[in-house]
Structure formats: structure tokens, C-alpha cells
Amino acid sequence: MSDKKLKDPEDPSANDISFEGALKRLEEVVGELESGRLSLEDSLSRFEEGMRLSKLCQEKLKSVELKIEKLVEENGRERTAPLDREE
């Protein structure tokens, strides 16, 4: 098994990995799975790790999205605005 494996999601420090770190590891996992060189057990283990990484990335993106929405205010109330919109 790889020593880069994501920690158990029940471990409180599992969320300490950065978005970029999680995404990089997810790309590595996908590459390992696509290579076809893993045993069935290792493939399942990598797939589970990839699913945890994917969920972690989605949660981190959602958190950032919510922060951005809160930062963008108009007339004293919160509103959403596209990130690429220039004002």
C-alpha cells in the first residue's frame, strides 16, 4: 500500500489535507486505477480512497463557495454573483 494513502475519514486530522493536496492525490489514485496493474483488493482500496478524496474536495469547494457568497453583499443583504463578473 502507498504511504500517501488518505487517512481514515473518522480521524479528526483527515481534513487537514489541503484542497490542492487532496486533488493531487486523487489524480494519482485515478492514474493507479487506470494503469490496470493493481490487484483487485488494491483497486478496491484505491477506489475507496478516491471516493473519500472526491468527497473531501467537494466539501472544501462548497465551503469556499459559501464564504464567497457571504463576502459578496449588495444593499445590506447577501447575494450571489459569478466569480468572473467584473463590477
C-alpha atoms as a PDB file:
ATOM      1  CA  MET A   1       0.000   0.000   0.000  1.00  0.00           C
ATOM      2  CA  SER A   2       1.087   3.555  -0.648  1.00  0.00           C
ATOM      3  CA  ASP A   3       2.242   5.655   2.279  1.00  0.00           C
ATOM      4  CA  LYS A   4       0.424   8.586   0.633  1.00  0.00           C
ATOM      5  CA  LYS A   5      -2.916   6.947   1.403  1.00  0.00           C
ATOM      6  CA  LEU A   6      -5.539   9.316   2.781  1.00  0.00           C
ATOM      7  CA  LYS A   7      -6.138   8.949   6.480  1.00  0.00           C
ATOM      8  CA  ASP A   8      -9.286   7.342   7.803  1.00  0.00           C
ATOM      9  CA  PRO A   9     -12.187   9.820   7.426  1.00  0.00           C
ATOM     10  CA  GLU A  10     -13.128   9.189  11.064  1.00  0.00           C
ATOM     11  CA  ASP A  11      -9.710  10.550  12.061  1.00  0.00           C
ATOM     12  CA  PRO A  12     -10.117  14.235  13.035  1.00  0.00           C
ATOM     13  CA  SER A  13      -6.866  15.111  11.248  1.00  0.00           C
ATOM     14  CA  ALA A  14      -8.130  13.640   7.939  1.00  0.00           C
ATOM     15  CA  ASN A  15      -9.443  17.075   6.929  1.00  0.00           C
ATOM     16  CA  ASP A  16      -6.007  18.647   7.477  1.00  0.00           C
ATOM     17  CA  ILE A  17      -5.041  17.892   3.875  1.00  0.00           C
ATOM     18  CA  SER A  18      -5.303  20.917   1.594  1.00  0.00           C
ATOM     19  CA  PHE A  19      -7.615  21.010  -1.400  1.00  0.00           C
ATOM     20  CA  GLU A  20      -4.594  21.004  -3.691  1.00  0.00           C
ATOM     21  CA  GLY A  21      -3.048  18.060  -1.830  1.00  0.00           C
ATOM     22  CA  ALA A  22      -6.287  16.096  -1.973  1.00  0.00           C
ATOM     23  CA  LEU A  23      -6.730  16.845  -5.679  1.00  0.00           C
ATOM     24  CA  LYS A  24      -3.144  15.818  -6.463  1.00  0.00           C
ATOM     25  CA  ARG A  25      -3.562  12.556  -4.573  1.00  0.00           C
ATOM     26  CA  LEU A  26      -6.904  11.946  -6.304  1.00  0.00           C
ATOM     27  CA  GLU A  27      -5.176  12.335  -9.669  1.00  0.00           C
ATOM     28  CA  GLU A  28      -2.527   9.818  -8.546  1.00  0.00           C
ATOM     29  CA  VAL A  29      -5.211   7.361  -7.449  1.00  0.00           C
ATOM     30  CA  VAL A  30      -7.011   7.674 -10.783  1.00  0.00           C
ATOM     31  CA  GLY A  31      -3.732   7.047 -12.598  1.00  0.00           C
ATOM     32  CA  GLU A  32      -3.063   3.951 -10.494  1.00  0.00           C
ATOM     33  CA  LEU A  33      -6.555   2.622 -11.190  1.00  0.00           C
ATOM     34  CA  GLU A  34      -6.314   3.342 -14.911  1.00  0.00           C
ATOM     35  CA  SER A  35      -2.951   1.585 -15.155  1.00  0.00           C
ATOM     36  CA  GLY A  36      -4.585  -1.810 -14.670  1.00  0.00           C
ATOM     37  CA  ARG A  37      -1.568  -3.014 -12.692  1.00  0.00           C
ATOM     38  CA  LEU A  38      -3.299  -3.244  -9.298  1.00  0.00           C
ATOM     39  CA  SER A  39      -4.758  -6.362  -7.745  1.00  0.00           C
ATOM     40  CA  LEU A  40      -8.488  -6.480  -7.123  1.00  0.00           C
ATOM     41  CA  GLU A  41      -8.002  -5.718  -3.418  1.00  0.00           C
ATOM     42  CA  ASP A  42      -5.644  -2.819  -4.126  1.00  0.00           C
ATOM     43  CA  SER A  43      -8.030  -1.488  -6.777  1.00  0.00           C
ATOM     44  CA  LEU A  44     -10.885  -1.538  -4.283  1.00  0.00           C
ATOM     45  CA  SER A  45      -8.729   0.179  -1.668  1.00  0.00           C
ATOM     46  CA  ARG A  46      -7.710   2.913  -4.134  1.00  0.00           C
ATOM     47  CA  PHE A  47     -11.304   3.326  -5.269  1.00  0.00           C
ATOM     48  CA  GLU A  48     -12.426   3.826  -1.656  1.00  0.00           C
ATOM     49  CA  GLU A  49      -9.611   6.319  -1.109  1.00  0.00           C
ATOM     50  CA  GLY A  50     -10.572   8.135  -4.303  1.00  0.00           C
ATOM     51  CA  MET A  51     -14.182   8.393  -3.183  1.00  0.00           C
ATOM     52  CA  ARG A  52     -13.085   9.885   0.169  1.00  0.00           C
ATOM     53  CA  LEU A  53     -10.794  12.331  -1.618  1.00  0.00           C
ATOM     54  CA  SER A  54     -13.542  13.318  -4.046  1.00  0.00           C
ATOM     55  CA  LYS A  55     -15.957  13.953  -1.184  1.00  0.00           C
ATOM     56  CA  LEU A  56     -13.329  15.966   0.689  1.00  0.00           C
ATOM     57  CA  CYS A  57     -12.641  18.117  -2.389  1.00  0.00           C
ATOM     58  CA  GLN A  58     -16.361  18.710  -2.914  1.00  0.00           C
ATOM     59  CA  GLU A  59     -16.789  19.723   0.736  1.00  0.00           C
ATOM     60  CA  LYS A  60     -13.839  22.115   0.575  1.00  0.00           C
ATOM     61  CA  LEU A  61     -15.158  23.694  -2.646  1.00  0.00           C
ATOM     62  CA  LYS A  62     -18.624  24.089  -1.133  1.00  0.00           C
ATOM     63  CA  SER A  63     -17.122  25.739   1.950  1.00  0.00           C
ATOM     64  CA  VAL A  64     -15.227  28.248  -0.190  1.00  0.00           C
ATOM     65  CA  GLU A  65     -18.323  28.884  -2.287  1.00  0.00           C
ATOM     66  CA  LEU A  66     -20.332  29.683   0.852  1.00  0.00           C
ATOM     67  CA  LYS A  67     -17.605  32.049   2.108  1.00  0.00           C
ATOM     68  CA  ILE A  68     -17.577  33.877  -1.234  1.00  0.00           C
ATOM     69  CA  GLU A  69     -21.354  34.201  -1.186  1.00  0.00           C
ATOM     70  CA  LYS A  70     -21.176  35.748   2.287  1.00  0.00           C
ATOM     71  CA  LEU A  71     -18.481  38.200   1.200  1.00  0.00           C
ATOM     72  CA  VAL A  72     -20.469  39.490  -1.761  1.00  0.00           C
ATOM     73  CA  GLU A  73     -23.073  41.857  -0.389  1.00  0.00           C
ATOM     74  CA  GLU A  74     -25.461  44.195  -2.113  1.00  0.00           C
ATOM     75  CA  ASN A  75     -27.772  46.663  -0.357  1.00  0.00           C
ATOM     76  CA  GLY A  76     -27.093  45.127   3.029  1.00  0.00           C
ATOM     77  CA  ARG A  77     -28.229  41.649   2.122  1.00  0.00           C
ATOM     78  CA  GLU A  78     -26.330  38.633   0.898  1.00  0.00           C
ATOM     79  CA  ARG A  79     -26.468  37.719  -2.751  1.00  0.00           C
ATOM     80  CA  THR A  80     -24.514  35.507  -5.061  1.00  0.00           C
ATOM     81  CA  ALA A  81     -22.559  36.740  -8.041  1.00  0.00           C
ATOM     82  CA  PRO A  82     -20.498  34.914 -10.669  1.00  0.00           C
ATOM     83  CA  LEU A  83     -16.783  34.972  -9.874  1.00  0.00           C
ATOM     84  CA  ASP A  84     -15.885  36.161 -13.370  1.00  0.00           C
ATOM     85  CA  ARG A  85     -18.256  39.139 -13.252  1.00  0.00           C
ATOM     86  CA  GLU A  86     -16.459  42.465 -13.133  1.00  0.00           C
ATOM     87  CA  GLU A  87     -18.151  45.318 -11.294  1.00  0.00           C
END
